[in-house]
């Protein structure tokens, strides 16, 4: 399975739990395919490791954290007034909102190996 938006970084703790972290920031037109890609990863995890989502101390083999934020960027028109020695600013037209999603997915060595294989994560 190919991932177009999610580019995972991997880390591992002293207990051998691996964590894959990805962040993607997209325009409104790109949001549906990004959400579909995140859903594809989570659907795979639930299908391949059913009933195993939860903290390791509770017997889980994997867990995830999914967060998002939507931001509107408004450019400022800036001008320096040499007589006053100050900068004046006027807000421009707001750009379309961008949405940033972060996905952290962690798990056992077996889960991490399967995730790497399924999504060709290096």
PDB file of N, CA and C in Angstrom:
ATOM      1  N   UNK A   1       0.852  -1.173   0.000  1.00  0.00           N
ATOM      2  CA  UNK A   1       0.000   0.000   0.000  1.00  0.00           C
ATOM      3  C   UNK A   1       0.897   1.235   0.000  1.00  0.00           C
ATOM      4  N   UNK A   2       0.573   2.185  -0.820  1.00  0.00           N
ATOM      5  CA  UNK A   2       1.385   3.390  -0.961  1.00  0.00           C
ATOM      6  C   UNK A   2       0.784   4.538  -0.165  1.00  0.00           C
ATOM      7  N   UNK A   3       1.651   5.250   0.528  1.00  0.00           N
ATOM      8  CA  UNK A   3       1.243   6.435   1.278  1.00  0.00           C
ATOM      9  C   UNK A   3       1.749   7.670   0.542  1.00  0.00           C
ATOM     10  N   UNK A   4       0.851   8.609   0.277  1.00  0.00           N
ATOM     11  CA  UNK A   4       1.221   9.831  -0.429  1.00  0.00           C
ATOM     12  C   UNK A   4       1.385  11.034   0.490  1.00  0.00           C
ATOM     13  N   UNK A   5       0.711  11.035   1.626  1.00  0.00           N
ATOM     14  CA  UNK A   5       0.732  12.188   2.532  1.00  0.00           C
ATOM     15  C   UNK A   5       1.504  11.904   3.820  1.00  0.00           C
ATOM     16  N   UNK A   6       1.397  10.696   4.311  1.00  0.00           N
ATOM     17  CA  UNK A   6       2.025  10.354   5.587  1.00  0.00           C
ATOM     18  C   UNK A   6       3.451   9.874   5.366  1.00  0.00           C
ATOM     19  N   UNK A   7       4.391  10.556   5.994  1.00  0.00           N
ATOM     20  CA  UNK A   7       5.804  10.193   5.951  1.00  0.00           C
ATOM     21  C   UNK A   7       6.218   9.972   7.404  1.00  0.00           C
ATOM     22  N   UNK A   8       6.335   8.716   7.798  1.00  0.00           N
ATOM     23  CA  UNK A   8       6.542   8.378   9.205  1.00  0.00           C
ATOM     24  C   UNK A   8       8.005   8.466   9.618  1.00  0.00           C
ATOM     25  N   UNK A   9       8.223   9.012  10.821  1.00  0.00           N
ATOM     26  CA  UNK A   9       9.501   8.929  11.518  1.00  0.00           C
ATOM     27  C   UNK A   9       9.341   7.849  12.577  1.00  0.00           C
ATOM     28  N   UNK A  10      10.388   7.086  12.816  1.00  0.00           N
ATOM     29  CA  UNK A  10      10.305   5.959  13.750  1.00  0.00           C
ATOM     30  C   UNK A  10      11.227   6.196  14.936  1.00  0.00           C
ATOM     31  N   UNK A  11      10.746   5.822  16.105  1.00  0.00           N
ATOM     32  CA  UNK A  11      11.569   5.829  17.310  1.00  0.00           C
ATOM     33  C   UNK A  11      11.182   4.612  18.140  1.00  0.00           C
ATOM     34  N   UNK A  12      12.048   4.256  19.060  1.00  0.00           N
ATOM     35  CA  UNK A  12      11.807   3.084  19.897  1.00  0.00           C
ATOM     36  C   UNK A  12      12.249   3.403  21.319  1.00  0.00           C
ATOM     37  N   UNK A  13      11.447   2.961  22.295  1.00  0.00           N
ATOM     38  CA  UNK A  13      11.821   3.211  23.685  1.00  0.00           C
ATOM     39  C   UNK A  13      12.646   2.051  24.239  1.00  0.00           C
ATOM     40  N   UNK A  14      13.069   2.163  25.494  1.00  0.00           N
ATOM     41  CA  UNK A  14      13.924   1.152  26.133  1.00  0.00           C
ATOM     42  C   UNK A  14      13.227  -0.190  26.303  1.00  0.00           C
ATOM     43  N   UNK A  15      11.901  -0.187  26.252  1.00  0.00           N
ATOM     44  CA  UNK A  15      11.145  -1.429  26.436  1.00  0.00           C
ATOM     45  C   UNK A  15      10.840  -2.118  25.105  1.00  0.00           C
ATOM     46  N   UNK A  16      11.302  -1.529  23.987  1.00  0.00           N
ATOM     47  CA  UNK A  16      11.093  -2.134  22.682  1.00  0.00           C
ATOM     48  C   UNK A  16       9.821  -1.729  21.980  1.00  0.00           C
ATOM     49  N   UNK A  17       9.084  -0.789  22.553  1.00  0.00           N
ATOM     50  CA  UNK A  17       7.878  -0.296  21.883  1.00  0.00           C
ATOM     51  C   UNK A  17       8.287   0.707  20.812  1.00  0.00           C
ATOM     52  N   UNK A  18       7.834   0.455  19.595  1.00  0.00           N
ATOM     53  CA  UNK A  18       8.148   1.338  18.486  1.00  0.00           C
ATOM     54  C   UNK A  18       7.030   2.342  18.268  1.00  0.00           C
ATOM     55  N   UNK A  19       7.399   3.541  17.830  1.00  0.00           N
ATOM     56  CA  UNK A  19       6.412   4.585  17.544  1.00  0.00           C
ATOM     57  C   UNK A  19       6.703   5.198  16.185  1.00  0.00           C
ATOM     58  N   UNK A  20       5.652   5.271  15.384  1.00  0.00           N
ATOM     59  CA  UNK A  20       5.700   5.927  14.081  1.00  0.00           C
ATOM     60  C   UNK A  20       4.927   7.231  14.199  1.00  0.00           C
ATOM     61  N   UNK A  21       5.566   8.347  13.865  1.00  0.00           N
ATOM     62  CA  UNK A  21       4.932   9.665  13.925  1.00  0.00           C
ATOM     63  C   UNK A  21       4.898  10.275  12.533  1.00  0.00           C
ATOM     64  N   UNK A  22       3.731  10.815  12.162  1.00  0.00           N
ATOM     65  CA  UNK A  22       3.590  11.498  10.875  1.00  0.00           C
ATOM     66  C   UNK A  22       2.741  12.745  11.056  1.00  0.00           C
ATOM     67  N   UNK A  23       3.048  13.762  10.252  1.00  0.00           N
ATOM     68  CA  UNK A  23       2.276  14.997  10.245  1.00  0.00           C
ATOM     69  C   UNK A  23       2.115  15.427   8.792  1.00  0.00           C
ATOM     70  N   UNK A  24       0.922  15.872   8.457  1.00  0.00           N
ATOM     71  CA  UNK A  24       0.670  16.379   7.108  1.00  0.00           C
ATOM     72  C   UNK A  24      -0.205  17.613   7.213  1.00  0.00           C
ATOM     73  N   UNK A  25       0.147  18.646   6.456  1.00  0.00           N
ATOM     74  CA  UNK A  25      -0.614  19.884   6.423  1.00  0.00           C
ATOM     75  C   UNK A  25      -1.083  20.097   4.989  1.00  0.00           C
ATOM     76  N   UNK A  26      -2.409  20.204   4.813  1.00  0.00           N
ATOM     77  CA  UNK A  26      -2.967  20.221   3.460  1.00  0.00           C
ATOM     78  C   UNK A  26      -3.995  21.326   3.274  1.00  0.00           C
ATOM     79  N   UNK A  27      -4.227  21.641   2.010  1.00  0.00           N
ATOM     80  CA  UNK A  27      -5.277  22.585   1.634  1.00  0.00           C
ATOM     81  C   UNK A  27      -6.625  21.867   1.691  1.00  0.00           C
ATOM     82  N   UNK A  28      -7.733  22.611   1.615  1.00  0.00           N
ATOM     83  CA  UNK A  28      -9.054  21.970   1.678  1.00  0.00           C
ATOM     84  C   UNK A  28      -9.255  20.872   0.630  1.00  0.00           C
ATOM     85  N   UNK A  29      -8.727  21.048  -0.566  1.00  0.00           N
ATOM     86  CA  UNK A  29      -8.905  20.044  -1.619  1.00  0.00           C
ATOM     87  C   UNK A  29      -8.162  18.747  -1.318  1.00  0.00           C
ATOM     88  N   UNK A  30      -7.094  18.831  -0.558  1.00  0.00           N
ATOM     89  CA  UNK A  30      -6.293  17.654  -0.235  1.00  0.00           C
ATOM     90  C   UNK A  30      -6.748  16.941   1.031  1.00  0.00           C
ATOM     91  N   UNK A  31      -7.644  17.560   1.792  1.00  0.00           N
ATOM     92  CA  UNK A  31      -8.053  16.966   3.063  1.00  0.00           C
ATOM     93  C   UNK A  31      -8.735  15.610   2.897  1.00  0.00           C
ATOM     94  N   UNK A  32      -9.689  15.437   1.993  1.00  0.00           N
ATOM     95  CA  UNK A  32     -10.313  14.109   1.873  1.00  0.00           C
ATOM     96  C   UNK A  32      -9.322  12.978   1.566  1.00  0.00           C
ATOM     97  N   UNK A  33      -8.367  13.160   0.629  1.00  0.00           N
ATOM     98  CA  UNK A  33      -7.422  12.059   0.427  1.00  0.00           C
ATOM     99  C   UNK A  33      -6.495  11.830   1.619  1.00  0.00           C
ATOM    100  N   UNK A  34      -6.150  12.885   2.350  1.00  0.00           N
ATOM    101  CA  UNK A  34      -5.337  12.708   3.558  1.00  0.00           C
ATOM    102  C   UNK A  34      -6.116  11.908   4.595  1.00  0.00           C
ATOM    103  N   UNK A  35      -7.367  12.283   4.819  1.00  0.00           N
ATOM    104  CA  UNK A  35      -8.181  11.551   5.785  1.00  0.00           C
ATOM    105  C   UNK A  35      -8.348  10.088   5.360  1.00  0.00           C
ATOM    106  N   UNK A  36      -8.499   9.851   4.065  1.00  0.00           N
ATOM    107  CA  UNK A  36      -8.636   8.480   3.570  1.00  0.00           C
ATOM    108  C   UNK A  36      -7.356   7.680   3.825  1.00  0.00           C
ATOM    109  N   UNK A  37      -6.215   8.336   3.680  1.00  0.00           N
ATOM    110  CA  UNK A  37      -4.946   7.656   3.921  1.00  0.00           C
ATOM    111  C   UNK A  37      -4.785   7.300   5.397  1.00  0.00           C
ATOM    112  N   UNK A  38      -5.117   8.216   6.291  1.00  0.00           N
ATOM    113  CA  UNK A  38      -5.059   7.931   7.731  1.00  0.00           C
ATOM    114  C   UNK A  38      -6.022   6.791   8.057  1.00  0.00           C
ATOM    115  N   UNK A  39      -7.217   6.841   7.499  1.00  0.00           N
ATOM    116  CA  UNK A  39      -8.203   5.780   7.731  1.00  0.00           C
ATOM    117  C   UNK A  39      -7.687   4.443   7.211  1.00  0.00           C
ATOM    118  N   UNK A  40      -6.979   4.449   6.088  1.00  0.00           N
ATOM    119  CA  UNK A  40      -6.423   3.215   5.526  1.00  0.00           C
ATOM    120  C   UNK A  40      -5.427   2.580   6.500  1.00  0.00           C
ATOM    121  N   UNK A  41      -4.561   3.382   7.089  1.00  0.00           N
ATOM    122  CA  UNK A  41      -3.579   2.869   8.053  1.00  0.00           C
ATOM    123  C   UNK A  41      -4.294   2.305   9.282  1.00  0.00           C
ATOM    124  N   UNK A  42      -5.251   3.058   9.813  1.00  0.00           N
ATOM    125  CA  UNK A  42      -5.953   2.591  11.017  1.00  0.00           C
ATOM    126  C   UNK A  42      -6.837   1.381  10.723  1.00  0.00           C
ATOM    127  N   UNK A  43      -7.446   1.343   9.544  1.00  0.00           N
ATOM    128  CA  UNK A  43      -8.260   0.178   9.154  1.00  0.00           C
ATOM    129  C   UNK A  43      -7.375  -1.056   9.075  1.00  0.00           C
ATOM    130  N   UNK A  44      -6.206  -0.906   8.476  1.00  0.00           N
ATOM    131  CA  UNK A  44      -5.263  -2.018   8.388  1.00  0.00           C
ATOM    132  C   UNK A  44      -4.908  -2.515   9.796  1.00  0.00           C
ATOM    133  N   UNK A  45      -4.563  -1.596  10.686  1.00  0.00           N
ATOM    134  CA  UNK A  45      -4.162  -1.981  12.044  1.00  0.00           C
ATOM    135  C   UNK A  45      -5.284  -2.729  12.765  1.00  0.00           C
ATOM    136  N   UNK A  46      -6.496  -2.233  12.627  1.00  0.00           N
ATOM    137  CA  UNK A  46      -7.631  -2.905  13.281  1.00  0.00           C
ATOM    138  C   UNK A  46      -7.898  -4.281  12.659  1.00  0.00           C
ATOM    139  N   UNK A  47      -7.705  -4.410  11.340  1.00  0.00           N
ATOM    140  CA  UNK A  47      -7.953  -5.688  10.667  1.00  0.00           C
ATOM    141  C   UNK A  47      -6.855  -6.709  10.979  1.00  0.00           C
ATOM    142  N   UNK A  48      -5.602  -6.267  10.974  1.00  0.00           N
ATOM    143  CA  UNK A  48      -4.479  -7.187  11.179  1.00  0.00           C
ATOM    144  C   UNK A  48      -4.244  -7.536  12.649  1.00  0.00           C
ATOM    145  N   UNK A  49      -4.592  -6.627  13.537  1.00  0.00           N
ATOM    146  CA  UNK A  49      -4.403  -6.832  14.971  1.00  0.00           C
ATOM    147  C   UNK A  49      -5.723  -6.539  15.686  1.00  0.00           C
ATOM    148  N   UNK A  50      -6.763  -7.328  15.374  1.00  0.00           N
ATOM    149  CA  UNK A  50      -8.088  -7.056  15.949  1.00  0.00           C
ATOM    150  C   UNK A  50      -8.088  -7.241  17.470  1.00  0.00           C
ATOM    151  N   UNK A  51      -8.872  -6.447  18.120  1.00  0.00           N
ATOM    152  CA  UNK A  51      -9.013  -6.516  19.579  1.00  0.00           C
ATOM    153  C   UNK A  51      -7.680  -6.352  20.310  1.00  0.00           C
ATOM    154  N   UNK A  52      -6.712  -5.711  19.668  1.00  0.00           N
ATOM    155  CA  UNK A  52      -5.398  -5.544  20.285  1.00  0.00           C
ATOM    156  C   UNK A  52      -5.025  -4.078  20.444  1.00  0.00           C
ATOM    157  N   UNK A  53      -5.974  -3.167  20.169  1.00  0.00           N
ATOM    158  CA  UNK A  53      -5.693  -1.739  20.295  1.00  0.00           C
ATOM    159  C   UNK A  53      -5.865  -1.334  21.758  1.00  0.00           C
ATOM    160  N   UNK A  54      -4.786  -0.869  22.359  1.00  0.00           N
ATOM    161  CA  UNK A  54      -4.828  -0.421  23.741  1.00  0.00           C
ATOM    162  C   UNK A  54      -3.436  -0.406  24.328  1.00  0.00           C
ATOM    163  N   UNK A  55      -3.304   0.146  25.509  1.00  0.00           N
ATOM    164  CA  UNK A  55      -1.992   0.217  26.154  1.00  0.00           C
ATOM    165  C   UNK A  55      -1.402  -1.173  26.401  1.00  0.00           C
ATOM    166  N   UNK A  56      -0.081  -1.274  26.279  1.00  0.00           N
ATOM    167  CA  UNK A  56       0.609  -2.552  26.493  1.00  0.00           C
ATOM    168  C   UNK A  56       0.331  -3.102  27.890  1.00  0.00           C
ATOM    169  N   UNK A  57       0.243  -2.220  28.883  1.00  0.00           N
ATOM    170  CA  UNK A  57       0.002  -2.686  30.254  1.00  0.00           C
ATOM    171  C   UNK A  57      -1.382  -3.310  30.422  1.00  0.00           C
ATOM    172  N   UNK A  58      -2.266  -3.050  29.459  1.00  0.00           N
ATOM    173  CA  UNK A  58      -3.596  -3.661  29.475  1.00  0.00           C
ATOM    174  C   UNK A  58      -3.694  -4.820  28.486  1.00  0.00           C
ATOM    175  N   UNK A  59      -2.551  -5.239  27.934  1.00  0.00           N
ATOM    176  CA  UNK A  59      -2.538  -6.347  26.991  1.00  0.00           C
ATOM    177  C   UNK A  59      -2.620  -5.941  25.535  1.00  0.00           C
ATOM    178  N   UNK A  60      -2.651  -4.648  25.255  1.00  0.00           N
ATOM    179  CA  UNK A  60      -2.716  -4.180  23.865  1.00  0.00           C
ATOM    180  C   UNK A  60      -1.398  -4.364  23.148  1.00  0.00           C
ATOM    181  N   UNK A  61      -1.490  -4.557  21.853  1.00  0.00           N
ATOM    182  CA  UNK A  61      -0.286  -4.688  21.031  1.00  0.00           C
ATOM    183  C   UNK A  61       0.028  -3.406  20.286  1.00  0.00           C
ATOM    184  N   UNK A  62      -0.959  -2.496  20.213  1.00  0.00           N
ATOM    185  CA  UNK A  62      -0.740  -1.246  19.498  1.00  0.00           C
ATOM    186  C   UNK A  62      -1.746  -0.213  19.984  1.00  0.00           C
ATOM    187  N   UNK A  63      -1.435   1.041  19.755  1.00  0.00           N
ATOM    188  CA  UNK A  63      -2.354   2.143  20.057  1.00  0.00           C
ATOM    189  C   UNK A  63      -1.988   3.335  19.182  1.00  0.00           C
ATOM    190  N   UNK A  64      -2.898   4.298  19.139  1.00  0.00           N
ATOM    191  CA  UNK A  64      -2.643   5.456  18.280  1.00  0.00           C
ATOM    192  C   UNK A  64      -3.184   6.723  18.916  1.00  0.00           C
ATOM    193  N   UNK A  65      -2.660   7.834  18.407  1.00  0.00           N
ATOM    194  CA  UNK A  65      -3.129   9.166  18.787  1.00  0.00           C
ATOM    195  C   UNK A  65      -3.301   9.939  17.494  1.00  0.00           C
ATOM    196  N   UNK A  66      -4.501  10.438  17.258  1.00  0.00           N
ATOM    197  CA  UNK A  66      -4.809  11.195  16.041  1.00  0.00           C
ATOM    198  C   UNK A  66      -5.309  12.567  16.455  1.00  0.00           C
ATOM    199  N   UNK A  67      -4.669  13.602  15.930  1.00  0.00           N
ATOM    200  CA  UNK A  67      -5.060  14.964  16.261  1.00  0.00           C
ATOM    201  C   UNK A  67      -5.081  15.819  15.005  1.00  0.00           C
ATOM    202  N   UNK A  68      -5.806  16.908  15.077  1.00  0.00           N
ATOM    203  CA  UNK A  68      -5.869  17.818  13.937  1.00  0.00           C
ATOM    204  C   UNK A  68      -6.107  19.241  14.381  1.00  0.00           C
ATOM    205  N   UNK A  69      -5.710  20.152  13.509  1.00  0.00           N
ATOM    206  CA  UNK A  69      -5.942  21.574  13.745  1.00  0.00           C
ATOM    207  C   UNK A  69      -6.158  22.236  12.391  1.00  0.00           C
ATOM    208  N   UNK A  70      -7.053  23.194  12.382  1.00  0.00           N
ATOM    209  CA  UNK A  70      -7.303  23.953  11.157  1.00  0.00           C
ATOM    210  C   UNK A  70      -6.892  25.395  11.411  1.00  0.00           C
ATOM    211  N   UNK A  71      -6.089  25.932  10.510  1.00  0.00           N
ATOM    212  CA  UNK A  71      -5.573  27.283  10.684  1.00  0.00           C
ATOM    213  C   UNK A  71      -5.837  28.117   9.443  1.00  0.00           C
ATOM    214  N   UNK A  72      -6.214  29.353   9.679  1.00  0.00           N
ATOM    215  CA  UNK A  72      -6.380  30.311   8.590  1.00  0.00           C
ATOM    216  C   UNK A  72      -5.200  31.267   8.662  1.00  0.00           C
ATOM    217  N   UNK A  73      -4.543  31.422   7.551  1.00  0.00           N
ATOM    218  CA  UNK A  73      -3.389  32.306   7.470  1.00  0.00           C
ATOM    219  C   UNK A  73      -3.814  33.609   6.786  1.00  0.00           C
ATOM    220  N   UNK A  74      -3.535  34.709   7.447  1.00  0.00           N
ATOM    221  CA  UNK A  74      -3.840  36.015   6.877  1.00  0.00           C
ATOM    222  C   UNK A  74      -2.533  36.768   6.668  1.00  0.00           C
ATOM    223  N   UNK A  75      -2.160  36.995   5.417  1.00  0.00           N
ATOM    224  CA  UNK A  75      -0.918  37.725   5.168  1.00  0.00           C
ATOM    225  C   UNK A  75      -1.048  39.186   5.608  1.00  0.00           C
ATOM    226  N   UNK A  76       0.060  39.743   6.001  1.00  0.00           N
ATOM    227  CA  UNK A  76       0.101  41.153   6.392  1.00  0.00           C
ATOM    228  C   UNK A  76       0.863  41.942   5.334  1.00  0.00           C
ATOM    229  N   UNK A  77       0.311  43.076   4.963  1.00  0.00           N
ATOM    230  CA  UNK A  77       1.023  44.007   4.095  1.00  0.00           C
ATOM    231  C   UNK A  77       1.803  44.928   5.025  1.00  0.00           C
ATOM    232  N   UNK A  78       3.118  44.877   4.929  1.00  0.00           N
ATOM    233  CA  UNK A  78       3.977  45.632   5.836  1.00  0.00           C
ATOM    234  C   UNK A  78       4.660  46.772   5.086  1.00  0.00           C
ATOM    235  N   UNK A  79       4.771  47.900   5.778  1.00  0.00           N
ATOM    236  CA  UNK A  79       5.457  49.062   5.205  1.00  0.00           C
ATOM    237  C   UNK A  79       6.243  49.753   6.313  1.00  0.00           C
ATOM    238  N   UNK A  80       7.450  50.116   6.001  1.00  0.00           N
ATOM    239  CA  UNK A  80       8.284  50.843   6.946  1.00  0.00           C
ATOM    240  C   UNK A  80       8.154  52.335   6.674  1.00  0.00           C
ATOM    241  N   UNK A  81       7.862  53.090   7.726  1.00  0.00           N
ATOM    242  CA  UNK A  81       7.762  54.546   7.633  1.00  0.00           C
ATOM    243  C   UNK A  81       9.081  55.116   8.155  1.00  0.00           C
ATOM    244  N   UNK A  82       9.967  55.585   7.255  1.00  0.00           N
ATOM    245  CA  UNK A  82      11.277  56.066   7.706  1.00  0.00           C
ATOM    246  C   UNK A  82      11.192  57.338   8.546  1.00  0.00           C
ATOM    247  N   UNK A  83      10.168  58.167   8.337  1.00  0.00           N
ATOM    248  CA  UNK A  83      10.053  59.399   9.131  1.00  0.00           C
ATOM    249  C   UNK A  83       9.663  59.098  10.566  1.00  0.00           C
ATOM    250  N   UNK A  84       8.750  58.139  10.736  1.00  0.00           N
ATOM    251  CA  UNK A  84       8.310  57.769  12.090  1.00  0.00           C
ATOM    252  C   UNK A  84       9.208  56.683  12.683  1.00  0.00           C
ATOM    253  N   UNK A  85       9.980  55.999  11.832  1.00  0.00           N
ATOM    254  CA  UNK A  85      10.843  54.917  12.316  1.00  0.00           C
ATOM    255  C   UNK A  85      10.043  53.713  12.789  1.00  0.00           C
ATOM    256  N   UNK A  86       8.909  53.456  12.148  1.00  0.00           N
ATOM    257  CA  UNK A  86       8.067  52.342  12.595  1.00  0.00           C
ATOM    258  C   UNK A  86       7.528  51.561  11.395  1.00  0.00           C
ATOM    259  N   UNK A  87       6.980  50.426  11.706  1.00  0.00           N
ATOM    260  CA  UNK A  87       6.393  49.567  10.689  1.00  0.00           C
ATOM    261  C   UNK A  87       4.877  49.602  10.856  1.00  0.00           C
ATOM    262  N   UNK A  88       4.184  49.762   9.757  1.00  0.00           N
ATOM    263  CA  UNK A  88       2.726  49.739   9.742  1.00  0.00           C
ATOM    264  C   UNK A  88       2.291  48.453   9.037  1.00  0.00           C
ATOM    265  N   UNK A  89       1.219  47.864   9.525  1.00  0.00           N
ATOM    266  CA  UNK A  89       0.732  46.637   8.898  1.00  0.00           C
ATOM    267  C   UNK A  89      -0.768  46.731   8.651  1.00  0.00           C
ATOM    268  N   UNK A  90      -1.178  46.111   7.553  1.00  0.00           N
ATOM    269  CA  UNK A  90      -2.583  46.030   7.186  1.00  0.00           C
ATOM    270  C   UNK A  90      -2.866  44.579   6.796  1.00  0.00           C
ATOM    271  N   UNK A  91      -3.879  43.966   7.413  1.00  0.00           N
ATOM    272  CA  UNK A  91      -4.192  42.580   7.050  1.00  0.00           C
ATOM    273  C   UNK A  91      -4.664  42.482   5.602  1.00  0.00           C
ATOM    274  N   UNK A  92      -4.177  41.442   4.911  1.00  0.00           N
ATOM    275  CA  UNK A  92      -4.610  41.162   3.555  1.00  0.00           C
ATOM    276  C   UNK A  92      -5.796  40.211   3.576  1.00  0.00           C
ATOM    277  N   UNK A  93      -6.061  39.614   2.450  1.00  0.00           N
ATOM    278  CA  UNK A  93      -7.156  38.646   2.348  1.00  0.00           C
ATOM    279  C   UNK A  93      -6.709  37.308   2.916  1.00  0.00           C
ATOM    280  N   UNK A  94      -7.530  36.707   3.776  1.00  0.00           N
ATOM    281  CA  UNK A  94      -7.163  35.407   4.346  1.00  0.00           C
ATOM    282  C   UNK A  94      -7.040  34.342   3.260  1.00  0.00           C
ATOM    283  N   UNK A  95      -6.056  33.490   3.424  1.00  0.00           N
ATOM    284  CA  UNK A  95      -5.876  32.344   2.535  1.00  0.00           C
ATOM    285  C   UNK A  95      -6.843  31.248   2.967  1.00  0.00           C
ATOM    286  N   UNK A  96      -7.112  30.274   2.095  1.00  0.00           N
ATOM    287  CA  UNK A  96      -7.965  29.155   2.512  1.00  0.00           C
ATOM    288  C   UNK A  96      -7.359  28.445   3.723  1.00  0.00           C
ATOM    289  N   UNK A  97      -8.212  27.933   4.570  1.00  0.00           N
ATOM    290  CA  UNK A  97      -7.756  27.247   5.776  1.00  0.00           C
ATOM    291  C   UNK A  97      -6.938  26.012   5.415  1.00  0.00           C
ATOM    292  N   UNK A  98      -5.873  25.784   6.159  1.00  0.00           N
ATOM    293  CA  UNK A  98      -5.084  24.558   6.022  1.00  0.00           C
ATOM    294  C   UNK A  98      -5.385  23.673   7.219  1.00  0.00           C
ATOM    295  N   UNK A  99      -5.423  22.400   6.979  1.00  0.00           N
ATOM    296  CA  UNK A  99      -5.646  21.446   8.056  1.00  0.00           C
ATOM    297  C   UNK A  99      -4.383  20.623   8.245  1.00  0.00           C
ATOM    298  N   UNK A 100      -3.963  20.498   9.489  1.00  0.00           N
ATOM    299  CA  UNK A 100      -2.806  19.687   9.828  1.00  0.00           C
ATOM    300  C   UNK A 100      -3.274  18.520  10.677  1.00  0.00           C
ATOM    301  N   UNK A 101      -2.950  17.319  10.236  1.00  0.00           N
ATOM    302  CA  UNK A 101      -3.256  16.109  10.998  1.00  0.00           C
ATOM    303  C   UNK A 101      -1.953  15.487  11.460  1.00  0.00           C
ATOM    304  N   UNK A 102      -1.947  14.990  12.686  1.00  0.00           N
ATOM    305  CA  UNK A 102      -0.810  14.230  13.196  1.00  0.00           C
ATOM    306  C   UNK A 102      -1.316  12.857  13.608  1.00  0.00           C
ATOM    307  N   UNK A 103      -0.540  11.835  13.262  1.00  0.00           N
ATOM    308  CA  UNK A 103      -0.856  10.466  13.626  1.00  0.00           C
ATOM    309  C   UNK A 103       0.379   9.852  14.257  1.00  0.00           C
ATOM    310  N   UNK A 104       0.230   9.384  15.476  1.00  0.00           N
ATOM    311  CA  UNK A 104       1.266   8.605  16.144  1.00  0.00           C
ATOM    312  C   UNK A 104       0.675   7.228  16.372  1.00  0.00           C
ATOM    313  N   UNK A 105       1.394   6.224  15.931  1.00  0.00           N
ATOM    314  CA  UNK A 105       0.926   4.856  16.095  1.00  0.00           C
ATOM    315  C   UNK A 105       2.090   4.046  16.641  1.00  0.00           C
ATOM    316  N   UNK A 106       1.857   3.364  17.746  1.00  0.00           N
ATOM    317  CA  UNK A 106       2.936   2.645  18.399  1.00  0.00           C
ATOM    318  C   UNK A 106       2.500   1.223  18.692  1.00  0.00           C
ATOM    319  N   UNK A 107       3.500   0.366  18.877  1.00  0.00           N
ATOM    320  CA  UNK A 107       3.157  -1.010  19.175  1.00  0.00           C
ATOM    321  C   UNK A 107       4.360  -1.897  19.407  1.00  0.00           C
ATOM    322  N   UNK A 108       4.053  -3.166  19.521  1.00  0.00           N
ATOM    323  CA  UNK A 108       5.046  -4.192  19.763  1.00  0.00           C
ATOM    324  C   UNK A 108       5.954  -4.348  18.541  1.00  0.00           C
ATOM    325  N   UNK A 109       7.028  -5.111  18.724  1.00  0.00           N
ATOM    326  CA  UNK A 109       7.945  -5.351  17.610  1.00  0.00           C
ATOM    327  C   UNK A 109       7.219  -6.025  16.447  1.00  0.00           C
ATOM    328  N   UNK A 110       6.332  -6.972  16.726  1.00  0.00           N
ATOM    329  CA  UNK A 110       5.588  -7.667  15.670  1.00  0.00           C
ATOM    330  C   UNK A 110       4.670  -6.696  14.929  1.00  0.00           C
ATOM    331  N   UNK A 111       4.008  -5.829  15.662  1.00  0.00           N
ATOM    332  CA  UNK A 111       3.129  -4.838  15.032  1.00  0.00           C
ATOM    333  C   UNK A 111       3.944  -3.904  14.140  1.00  0.00           C
ATOM    334  N   UNK A 112       5.061  -3.398  14.659  1.00  0.00           N
ATOM    335  CA  UNK A 112       5.882  -2.452  13.900  1.00  0.00           C
ATOM    336  C   UNK A 112       6.426  -3.090  12.624  1.00  0.00           C
ATOM    337  N   UNK A 113       6.865  -4.346  12.714  1.00  0.00           N
ATOM    338  CA  UNK A 113       7.369  -5.034  11.527  1.00  0.00           C
ATOM    339  C   UNK A 113       6.263  -5.196  10.490  1.00  0.00           C
ATOM    340  N   UNK A 114       5.064  -5.539  10.922  1.00  0.00           N
ATOM    341  CA  UNK A 114       3.941  -5.709   9.997  1.00  0.00           C
ATOM    342  C   UNK A 114       3.542  -4.378   9.365  1.00  0.00           C
ATOM    343  N   UNK A 115       3.530  -3.304  10.144  1.00  0.00           N
ATOM    344  CA  UNK A 115       3.205  -1.976   9.628  1.00  0.00           C
ATOM    345  C   UNK A 115       4.230  -1.539   8.582  1.00  0.00           C
ATOM    346  N   UNK A 116       5.509  -1.730   8.891  1.00  0.00           N
ATOM    347  CA  UNK A 116       6.567  -1.385   7.925  1.00  0.00           C
ATOM    348  C   UNK A 116       6.372  -2.128   6.611  1.00  0.00           C
ATOM    349  N   UNK A 117       6.072  -3.404   6.712  1.00  0.00           N
ATOM    350  CA  UNK A 117       5.895  -4.226   5.514  1.00  0.00           C
ATOM    351  C   UNK A 117       4.663  -3.822   4.713  1.00  0.00           C
ATOM    352  N   UNK A 118       3.565  -3.601   5.406  1.00  0.00           N
ATOM    353  CA  UNK A 118       2.304  -3.284   4.729  1.00  0.00           C
ATOM    354  C   UNK A 118       2.354  -1.957   3.974  1.00  0.00           C
ATOM    355  N   UNK A 119       3.083  -0.970   4.532  1.00  0.00           N
ATOM    356  CA  UNK A 119       3.089   0.369   3.942  1.00  0.00           C
ATOM    357  C   UNK A 119       4.460   0.781   3.416  1.00  0.00           C
ATOM    358  N   UNK A 120       5.385  -0.181   3.305  1.00  0.00           N
ATOM    359  CA  UNK A 120       6.710   0.068   2.777  1.00  0.00           C
ATOM    360  C   UNK A 120       7.375   1.247   3.474  1.00  0.00           C
ATOM    361  N   UNK A 121       7.354   1.211   4.792  1.00  0.00           N
ATOM    362  CA  UNK A 121       7.972   2.265   5.620  1.00  0.00           C
ATOM    363  C   UNK A 121       9.413   1.846   5.909  1.00  0.00           C
ATOM    364  N   UNK A 122      10.323   2.725   5.592  1.00  0.00           N
ATOM    365  CA  UNK A 122      11.746   2.433   5.809  1.00  0.00           C
ATOM    366  C   UNK A 122      12.134   2.733   7.226  1.00  0.00           C
TER     367      UNK A 122
END
